[in-house]
Amino acid sequence: MAAETIRLSSEPGLWTDRQGTAVYTRMAFAGVDMMPHWKRLVAQITDDAKGAGIGMDLSIISQLMGDQKTGLAIQADSLRYQQLFRSPCAAASPKLRVLALAAQMDIGGNTPIEFLLAGSDIELISLYVVPGLPLPNPLPDHDVAIVLAPDDAKSRETLALIERLVPHWPRPMLNRPKHILGLDRHTLCESLRPIPGLEIPLTNRIARDWLINLSLDACRLTDVLQDGEFPVIVRPIGSHAGLGLEKLDDAAAIAAYLETRPEDTFFISRFVDYSSADGLFRKYRIVLVDGKAYACHMAISEQWKIWYLNADMVLNEANRAEEARFMGLFDDEFGARHHVALAELARHIGVEYCTIDCAETKDGKLLIFEADNTAIVHDMDPVDIFPYKTQQMRKVFDAFVAMLYRHARKERMQAA
């Protein structure tokens, strides 16, 4: 589709219905056996646009059961028949329609927007922008569009395709690709370093050969990292969820690390000890919606390498009590301490929605680990264990919905 020929239509039938990522992820998270659902959908699938919706759900289930290869193959086959899919809506008569522009990739790749729209009166239609496949013409009419594709090597071409369409897009488009690309670790640290109150160590890309040279003392750490000093953090480029992330204390540790990793390129940065006075590490996920910060979660651990699922939260009542306080007093405490830094950060990165994984340094600065438009923000944690989360996540979801309405309303006012 040429940029000048984007057409919108209110005619029904342009899309195919599917259950979507949130429905099946909730099932899997709750421990539901997914195999009966797999078998049921396999018996119903057809080689046409209607069957593509079933195929996309099968792709999700396959990946949730650990078979990513099959899931991605089913997804690719389904997208040959259909690129537009409608997700379930809580409202019988939706008041707003969002067109979400997604990339062809695994279920952890695109922004999990279905969770953010849970219980709302917004209709969601997802458009998969696939290099080599023409966009559907016409596209469904909508009030606002949002880009879900991540800053990832697998989706760079998709982002480039979308960015070329932006000047000609007939509706507001949030999270533009040019801003998403700024979330790259190396780009992010360069753009945020001037902000007062922030600590964000330089992050550089480094080839395997250079790491080998470092391990052999054939070059200096400052040759590859301006503020470099041991210990350093190394992770393979393109890795997620901590895969391959390690703290290396000296050159000898680099050699041992490379024996376990086959990748050719890595990110490297200086390690910052962000432990608190009690020796524990506290890592925070903050959600930014139109520049305003909201608490998402707080993980507490004896280890520096923290994710919420490996932190001592479920079994530790004291940690949960601290997280509840963090959420309940966020605006008056954590949010207030870092208000200026967070506001400047949001202004610099430019996306309307993203998450920030961060901590506090020993001298009180906001330590930024990463900014991401695709991290999962959900309400699946058991209410009996985390009763304080329901209200907080509802606050985040309501802010996201209000953002969509605000941008759609702004467009209507300008058009009038």
Protein backbone atom coordinates (compact mmCIF):
# COMPACT_ATOMS: atom_id res chain seq x y z
CA MET A 1 0.00 0.00 0.00
CA ALA A 2 1.44 3.36 -0.98
CA ALA A 3 1.40 5.91 1.80
CA GLU A 4 -0.87 8.22 -0.21
CA THR A 5 -3.53 5.54 -0.69
CA ILE A 6 -4.34 4.67 2.95
CA ARG A 7 -8.08 4.24 3.06
CA LEU A 8 -10.31 3.62 6.07
CA SER A 9 -13.63 1.81 6.03
CA SER A 10 -16.38 1.24 8.58
CA GLU A 11 -17.56 -1.88 6.78
CA PRO A 12 -17.62 -5.00 9.00
CA GLY A 13 -15.75 -8.12 8.04
CA LEU A 14 -12.35 -6.57 7.45
CA TRP A 15 -10.94 -8.47 10.41
CA THR A 16 -11.10 -11.92 11.96
CA ASP A 17 -12.00 -12.52 15.60
CA ARG A 18 -9.60 -14.29 17.94
CA GLN A 19 -9.33 -14.81 21.69
CA GLY A 20 -5.84 -13.33 21.87
CA THR A 21 -2.80 -13.37 24.12
CA ALA A 22 -4.37 -12.20 27.40
CA VAL A 23 -7.11 -14.85 27.46
CA TYR A 24 -4.75 -17.79 27.08
CA THR A 25 -1.95 -16.29 29.17
CA ARG A 26 -4.37 -15.91 32.08
CA MET A 27 -5.31 -19.57 31.70
CA ALA A 28 -1.70 -20.73 31.64
CA PHE A 29 -0.78 -18.46 34.56
CA ALA A 30 -3.60 -20.02 36.58
CA GLY A 31 -2.28 -23.52 35.85
CA VAL A 32 -4.95 -24.56 33.34
CA ASP A 33 -4.02 -27.52 31.12
CA MET A 34 -3.70 -25.97 27.67
CA MET A 35 -3.65 -29.22 25.67
CA PRO A 36 -7.49 -29.59 25.49
CA HIS A 37 -7.70 -26.06 24.08
CA TRP A 38 -4.97 -26.91 21.58
CA LYS A 39 -6.83 -30.02 20.38
CA ARG A 40 -10.15 -28.17 20.16
CA LEU A 41 -8.70 -25.43 17.96
CA VAL A 42 -6.75 -27.84 15.76
CA ALA A 43 -10.04 -29.58 14.95
CA GLN A 44 -11.60 -26.25 13.89
CA ILE A 45 -8.82 -24.62 11.86
CA THR A 46 -9.28 -23.92 8.14
CA ASP A 47 -7.04 -22.49 5.43
CA ASP A 48 -8.76 -19.12 5.06
CA ALA A 49 -9.18 -15.77 6.80
CA LYS A 50 -11.56 -17.20 9.41
CA GLY A 51 -9.16 -20.02 10.17
CA ALA A 52 -6.36 -17.47 10.57
CA GLY A 53 -7.91 -16.27 13.83
CA ILE A 54 -7.88 -19.83 15.13
CA GLY A 55 -4.32 -20.19 13.91
CA MET A 56 -3.19 -17.09 15.79
CA ASP A 57 -4.69 -18.52 18.98
CA LEU A 58 -2.97 -21.85 18.31
CA SER A 59 0.28 -19.94 17.91
CA ILE A 60 -0.18 -18.41 21.35
CA ILE A 61 -1.01 -21.72 23.00
CA SER A 62 1.98 -23.43 21.38
CA GLN A 63 4.31 -20.80 22.77
CA LEU A 64 2.72 -20.93 26.21
CA MET A 65 3.33 -24.68 26.21
CA GLY A 66 6.99 -24.09 25.38
CA ASP A 67 6.99 -24.86 21.65
CA GLN A 68 7.96 -21.50 20.22
CA LYS A 69 9.14 -22.91 16.89
CA THR A 70 5.74 -24.43 16.09
CA GLY A 71 3.94 -21.35 17.39
CA LEU A 72 5.86 -19.00 15.14
CA ALA A 73 5.37 -21.28 12.13
CA ILE A 74 1.60 -21.28 12.70
CA GLN A 75 1.63 -17.51 13.10
CA ALA A 76 3.49 -17.03 9.81
CA ASP A 77 1.06 -19.31 7.99
CA SER A 78 -1.97 -17.54 9.50
CA LEU A 79 -0.73 -14.11 8.44
CA ARG A 80 -0.75 -15.21 4.81
CA TYR A 81 -4.55 -15.30 5.02
CA GLN A 82 -5.29 -12.39 7.35
CA GLN A 83 -3.41 -9.51 9.01
CA LEU A 84 -6.29 -7.94 10.98
CA PHE A 85 -7.60 -9.51 14.19
CA ARG A 86 -10.18 -8.31 16.69
CA SER A 87 -9.77 -9.17 20.38
CA PRO A 88 -12.66 -9.67 22.84
CA CYS A 89 -14.11 -6.48 24.33
CA ALA A 90 -15.84 -6.20 27.72
CA ALA A 91 -18.42 -3.78 26.30
CA ALA A 92 -21.22 -4.91 23.98
CA SER A 93 -21.13 -1.48 22.33
CA PRO A 94 -17.53 -0.16 22.40
CA LYS A 95 -17.11 3.60 22.55
CA LEU A 96 -13.63 3.79 21.06
CA ARG A 97 -11.71 1.71 18.54
CA VAL A 98 -7.93 1.29 18.70
CA LEU A 99 -5.86 -0.05 15.83
CA ALA A 100 -2.68 -1.64 17.21
CA LEU A 101 0.24 -2.08 14.80
CA ALA A 102 2.14 -5.25 15.68
CA ALA A 103 5.15 -7.16 14.36
CA GLN A 104 5.30 -10.82 13.38
CA MET A 105 7.17 -12.30 16.34
CA ASP A 106 6.87 -14.27 19.58
CA ILE A 107 4.19 -13.50 22.17
CA GLY A 108 6.69 -11.65 24.36
CA GLY A 109 7.63 -9.25 21.58
CA ASN A 110 4.76 -6.84 21.04
CA THR A 111 3.23 -4.62 23.74
CA PRO A 112 0.69 -6.84 25.57
CA ILE A 113 -2.03 -4.25 25.12
CA GLU A 114 -4.92 -6.64 25.80
CA PHE A 115 -4.03 -6.62 29.51
CA LEU A 116 -4.03 -2.82 29.55
CA LEU A 117 -7.53 -2.69 28.03
CA ALA A 118 -9.00 -5.27 30.41
CA GLY A 119 -12.56 -4.37 31.40
CA SER A 120 -12.66 -1.25 29.23
CA ASP A 121 -15.17 -0.13 26.61
CA ILE A 122 -12.47 0.01 23.92
CA GLU A 123 -12.50 -2.25 20.88
CA LEU A 124 -9.07 -3.52 19.88
CA ILE A 125 -8.12 -4.50 16.34
CA SER A 126 -4.53 -5.60 15.75
CA LEU A 127 -2.84 -5.07 12.40
CA TYR A 128 0.26 -7.17 11.77
CA VAL A 129 2.66 -5.23 9.57
CA VAL A 130 4.73 -7.89 7.81
CA PRO A 131 7.60 -7.04 5.44
CA GLY A 132 6.80 -8.49 2.02
CA LEU A 133 3.04 -8.52 2.59
CA PRO A 134 0.93 -5.56 1.41
CA LEU A 135 -1.20 -3.87 4.05
CA PRO A 136 -4.92 -4.58 3.85
CA ASN A 137 -6.73 -1.94 1.81
CA PRO A 138 -8.94 -0.51 3.18
CA LEU A 139 -8.04 -0.61 6.86
CA PRO A 140 -10.72 -0.52 9.57
CA ASP A 141 -11.68 2.98 10.62
CA HIS A 142 -10.41 3.75 14.11
CA ASP A 143 -10.09 6.58 16.61
CA VAL A 144 -6.43 6.18 17.46
CA ALA A 145 -3.53 3.91 16.48
CA ILE A 146 -0.65 2.70 18.65
CA VAL A 147 2.52 0.88 17.65
CA LEU A 148 3.15 -2.34 19.59
CA ALA A 149 6.32 -3.52 17.82
CA PRO A 150 9.49 -3.43 19.93
CA ASP A 151 12.98 -2.11 19.38
CA ASP A 152 14.33 -5.47 18.27
CA ALA A 153 16.40 -6.69 15.34
CA LYS A 154 13.46 -8.91 14.34
CA SER A 155 11.09 -5.97 14.03
CA ARG A 156 13.31 -3.16 12.72
CA GLU A 157 11.98 -3.55 9.18
CA THR A 158 8.40 -3.47 10.47
CA LEU A 159 9.14 -0.27 12.40
CA ALA A 160 10.69 1.28 9.31
CA LEU A 161 7.59 0.43 7.25
CA ILE A 162 5.30 2.00 9.85
CA GLU A 163 7.43 5.12 10.22
CA ARG A 164 7.19 5.77 6.48
CA LEU A 165 3.41 5.72 6.83
CA VAL A 166 3.23 8.06 9.84
CA PRO A 167 3.04 11.39 7.92
CA HIS A 168 0.11 10.06 5.90
CA TRP A 169 -1.73 8.20 8.65
CA PRO A 170 -5.30 9.56 8.92
CA ARG A 171 -5.61 9.14 12.70
CA PRO A 172 -3.37 9.92 15.72
CA MET A 173 -0.55 7.37 16.09
CA LEU A 174 1.03 6.80 19.49
CA ASN A 175 4.45 5.31 20.25
CA ARG A 176 5.90 6.23 16.88
CA PRO A 177 8.66 3.93 15.62
CA LYS A 178 11.29 6.69 15.64
CA HIS A 179 10.75 7.04 19.39
CA ILE A 180 10.64 3.28 20.03
CA LEU A 181 14.03 2.97 18.34
CA GLY A 182 15.35 5.43 20.91
CA LEU A 183 14.72 2.81 23.63
CA ASP A 184 17.74 0.82 22.42
CA ARG A 185 20.09 0.43 25.39
CA HIS A 186 23.01 2.27 23.77
CA THR A 187 20.85 5.10 22.42
CA LEU A 188 18.94 5.42 25.68
CA CYS A 189 21.99 5.89 27.89
CA GLU A 190 23.36 8.55 25.56
CA SER A 191 20.12 10.53 25.48
CA LEU A 192 19.38 10.33 29.22
CA ARG A 193 22.82 10.93 30.72
CA PRO A 194 22.45 14.76 30.85
CA ILE A 195 19.31 14.53 33.03
CA PRO A 196 19.99 15.61 36.65
CA GLY A 197 19.08 13.01 39.24
CA LEU A 198 19.57 10.05 36.91
CA GLU A 199 22.27 7.40 36.98
CA ILE A 200 22.54 5.44 33.75
CA PRO A 201 25.90 3.81 33.01
CA LEU A 202 27.12 3.89 29.43
CA THR A 203 26.08 0.82 27.49
CA ASN A 204 28.08 -0.15 24.42
CA ARG A 205 27.77 -2.88 21.85
CA ILE A 206 30.83 -5.10 21.80
CA ALA A 207 31.84 -7.87 19.42
CA ARG A 208 32.93 -11.24 20.73
CA ASP A 209 36.47 -10.66 19.43
CA TRP A 210 36.80 -7.55 21.61
CA LEU A 211 35.62 -9.49 24.67
CA ILE A 212 38.26 -12.10 23.90
CA ASN A 213 40.88 -9.35 23.70
CA LEU A 214 39.74 -8.04 27.08
CA SER A 215 40.01 -11.50 28.59
CA LEU A 216 43.59 -11.75 27.31
CA ASP A 217 44.51 -8.25 28.50
CA ALA A 218 45.16 -7.36 24.85
CA CYS A 219 43.20 -4.14 25.29
CA ARG A 220 41.95 -1.96 28.13
CA LEU A 221 38.37 -1.84 29.34
CA THR A 222 38.28 1.91 28.69
CA ASP A 223 39.02 1.14 25.02
CA VAL A 224 35.51 -0.31 24.68
CA LEU A 225 33.68 1.50 27.47
CA GLN A 226 34.44 5.11 28.32
CA ASP A 227 33.41 4.85 31.99
CA GLY A 228 34.46 1.22 32.17
CA GLU A 229 35.77 -0.38 35.34
CA PHE A 230 35.30 -3.84 36.77
CA PRO A 231 32.91 -5.31 37.63
CA VAL A 232 30.93 -4.99 34.39
CA ILE A 233 27.55 -6.27 33.22
CA VAL A 234 27.47 -8.26 29.99
CA ARG A 235 24.47 -9.64 28.11
CA PRO A 236 23.92 -10.92 24.55
CA ILE A 237 22.24 -8.41 22.24
CA GLY A 238 18.64 -9.40 21.66
CA SER A 239 18.34 -11.42 24.88
CA HIS A 240 15.41 -10.99 27.25
CA ALA A 241 14.41 -11.96 30.79
CA GLY A 242 18.03 -12.03 31.93
CA LEU A 243 19.17 -14.74 29.52
CA GLY A 244 22.96 -14.51 29.42
CA LEU A 245 23.09 -11.54 31.79
CA GLU A 246 26.11 -11.77 34.10
CA LYS A 247 28.32 -9.62 36.31
CA LEU A 248 31.99 -10.13 35.48
CA ASP A 249 34.48 -9.12 38.14
CA ASP A 250 37.69 -9.28 36.12
CA ALA A 251 39.25 -10.26 32.79
CA ALA A 252 39.45 -13.92 33.77
CA ALA A 253 35.69 -13.99 34.32
CA ILE A 254 35.17 -12.84 30.72
CA ALA A 255 36.89 -15.96 29.39
CA ALA A 256 34.75 -18.22 31.57
CA TYR A 257 31.61 -16.36 30.47
CA LEU A 258 32.38 -16.73 26.76
CA GLU A 259 32.75 -20.49 27.18
CA THR A 260 29.02 -20.59 28.01
CA ARG A 261 27.78 -18.15 25.35
CA PRO A 262 27.72 -18.70 21.56
CA GLU A 263 26.61 -15.18 20.58
CA ASP A 264 28.73 -12.82 18.48
CA THR A 265 27.64 -9.46 19.90
CA PHE A 266 26.92 -8.23 23.42
CA PHE A 267 26.01 -5.21 25.50
CA ILE A 268 28.54 -4.16 28.12
CA SER A 269 28.16 -1.60 30.90
CA ARG A 270 29.58 -0.70 34.28
CA PHE A 271 27.99 -2.48 37.26
CA VAL A 272 26.38 -0.21 39.86
CA ASP A 273 25.90 -1.60 43.35
CA TYR A 274 22.38 -0.50 44.17
CA SER A 275 21.97 -2.47 47.40
CA SER A 276 20.17 -0.67 50.22
CA ALA A 277 21.48 -0.11 53.74
CA ASP A 278 20.10 -3.50 54.80
CA GLY A 279 22.08 -5.25 52.04
CA LEU A 280 19.00 -6.10 49.97
CA PHE A 281 18.46 -5.08 46.36
CA ARG A 282 15.24 -3.33 45.37
CA LYS A 283 14.18 -3.10 41.75
CA TYR A 284 11.15 -1.13 40.57
CA ARG A 285 9.00 -1.20 37.47
CA ILE A 286 7.43 2.15 36.70
CA VAL A 287 4.81 2.74 34.02
CA LEU A 288 4.88 6.03 32.13
CA VAL A 289 1.57 7.08 30.57
CA ASP A 290 1.65 10.40 28.72
CA GLY A 291 4.57 11.42 30.91
CA LYS A 292 2.97 10.56 34.27
CA ALA A 293 4.58 7.85 36.40
CA TYR A 294 2.69 4.98 38.03
CA ALA A 295 3.96 2.16 40.25
CA CYS A 296 3.80 -1.27 38.63
CA HIS A 297 5.78 -3.50 40.99
CA MET A 298 8.70 -3.68 43.40
CA ALA A 299 10.97 -6.71 43.71
CA ILE A 300 13.22 -7.32 46.72
CA SER A 301 16.05 -9.84 46.76
CA GLU A 302 19.44 -10.68 48.24
CA GLN A 303 20.73 -10.96 44.65
CA TRP A 304 21.45 -8.04 42.31
CA LYS A 305 19.99 -9.89 39.32
CA ILE A 306 16.30 -9.50 40.10
CA TRP A 307 13.08 -10.21 38.25
CA TYR A 308 9.75 -10.23 39.96
CA LEU A 309 9.34 -13.97 39.48
CA ASN A 310 12.69 -14.82 41.07
CA ALA A 311 12.44 -12.31 43.92
CA ASP A 312 11.30 -13.33 47.40
CA MET A 313 7.81 -11.84 47.16
CA VAL A 314 5.27 -14.67 47.25
CA LEU A 315 6.61 -16.29 50.43
CA ASN A 316 7.88 -13.16 52.19
CA GLU A 317 5.14 -11.22 53.94
CA ALA A 318 7.47 -8.38 54.93
CA ASN A 319 8.52 -7.85 51.31
CA ARG A 320 4.89 -7.74 50.20
CA ALA A 321 4.10 -5.23 52.92
CA GLU A 322 6.93 -3.03 51.64
CA GLU A 323 5.66 -3.31 48.07
CA ALA A 324 2.15 -2.40 49.23
CA ARG A 325 3.55 0.71 50.93
CA PHE A 326 5.56 1.56 47.80
CA MET A 327 2.40 1.45 45.71
CA GLY A 328 0.12 3.17 48.19
CA LEU A 329 2.48 6.08 48.86
CA PHE A 330 4.12 6.23 45.43
CA ASP A 331 3.02 9.78 44.58
CA ASP A 332 4.16 11.14 47.96
CA GLU A 333 7.40 9.19 48.33
CA PHE A 334 9.21 7.47 45.42
CA GLY A 335 7.36 9.42 42.74
CA ALA A 336 7.93 12.70 44.56
CA ARG A 337 11.65 12.03 45.10
CA HIS A 338 12.21 11.40 41.41
CA HIS A 339 9.47 13.57 39.92
CA VAL A 340 11.77 15.89 37.99
CA ALA A 341 14.00 13.09 36.70
CA LEU A 342 11.02 10.97 35.59
CA ALA A 343 9.36 13.93 33.87
CA GLU A 344 12.55 14.78 31.98
CA LEU A 345 13.08 11.12 31.10
CA ALA A 346 9.57 10.89 29.65
CA ARG A 347 10.15 14.07 27.64
CA HIS A 348 13.43 12.80 26.21
CA ILE A 349 12.22 9.36 25.10
CA GLY A 350 9.06 10.70 23.48
CA VAL A 351 6.82 7.61 23.59
CA GLU A 352 3.36 8.01 25.08
CA TYR A 353 3.52 4.66 26.87
CA CYS A 354 6.41 2.59 28.22
CA THR A 355 7.80 0.95 31.33
CA ILE A 356 11.00 1.79 33.19
CA ASP A 357 12.94 -0.79 35.19
CA CYS A 358 14.96 1.10 37.76
CA ALA A 359 16.43 1.29 41.27
CA GLU A 360 17.82 3.90 43.64
CA THR A 361 21.56 4.39 44.04
CA LYS A 362 23.27 4.78 47.40
CA ASP A 363 23.39 8.55 46.88
CA GLY A 364 19.68 8.77 46.04
CA LYS A 365 19.73 8.95 42.24
CA LEU A 366 17.31 7.08 40.00
CA LEU A 367 19.27 4.23 38.42
CA ILE A 368 17.84 3.29 35.02
CA PHE A 369 18.24 -0.28 33.79
CA GLU A 370 16.04 -0.08 30.71
CA ALA A 371 12.99 1.50 29.13
CA ASP A 372 10.67 -0.75 27.18
CA ASN A 373 7.38 -0.36 25.34
CA THR A 374 6.63 -4.10 25.49
CA ALA A 375 7.14 -5.23 29.12
CA ILE A 376 4.09 -7.03 30.48
CA VAL A 377 1.88 -5.04 32.84
CA HIS A 378 -0.89 -7.27 34.19
CA ASP A 379 -3.30 -8.08 37.03
CA MET A 380 -2.82 -11.85 37.15
CA ASP A 381 -1.19 -12.09 40.59
CA PRO A 382 -3.32 -14.00 43.13
CA VAL A 383 -5.57 -11.59 45.02
CA ASP A 384 -5.31 -13.57 48.25
CA ILE A 385 -1.53 -13.08 48.28
CA PHE A 386 -1.34 -9.62 46.68
CA PRO A 387 -4.62 -7.91 47.68
CA TYR A 388 -3.08 -4.45 47.28
CA LYS A 389 -2.27 -4.90 43.60
CA THR A 390 -5.81 -4.92 42.23
CA GLN A 391 -6.44 -1.25 42.91
CA GLN A 392 -2.98 -0.20 41.71
CA MET A 393 -3.18 -2.07 38.42
CA ARG A 394 -6.66 -0.71 37.84
CA LYS A 395 -5.17 2.76 38.24
CA VAL A 396 -2.58 1.97 35.55
CA PHE A 397 -5.17 0.47 33.18
CA ASP A 398 -7.50 3.45 33.67
CA ALA A 399 -4.62 5.84 32.90
CA PHE A 400 -3.83 3.95 29.70
CA VAL A 401 -7.47 4.03 28.59
CA ALA A 402 -7.74 7.73 29.44
CA MET A 403 -4.62 8.37 27.34
CA LEU A 404 -6.25 6.75 24.30
CA TYR A 405 -9.44 8.76 24.77
CA ARG A 406 -7.43 11.96 25.27
CA HIS A 407 -5.51 11.62 22.01
CA ALA A 408 -8.62 10.59 20.07
CA ARG A 409 -10.54 13.56 21.49
CA LYS A 410 -7.69 15.92 20.64
CA GLU A 411 -7.81 14.75 17.02
CA ARG A 412 -11.57 15.29 16.85
CA MET A 413 -11.25 18.80 18.25
CA GLN A 414 -8.56 19.68 15.72
CA ALA A 415 -10.66 18.25 12.90
CA ALA A 416 -13.64 20.34 14.02
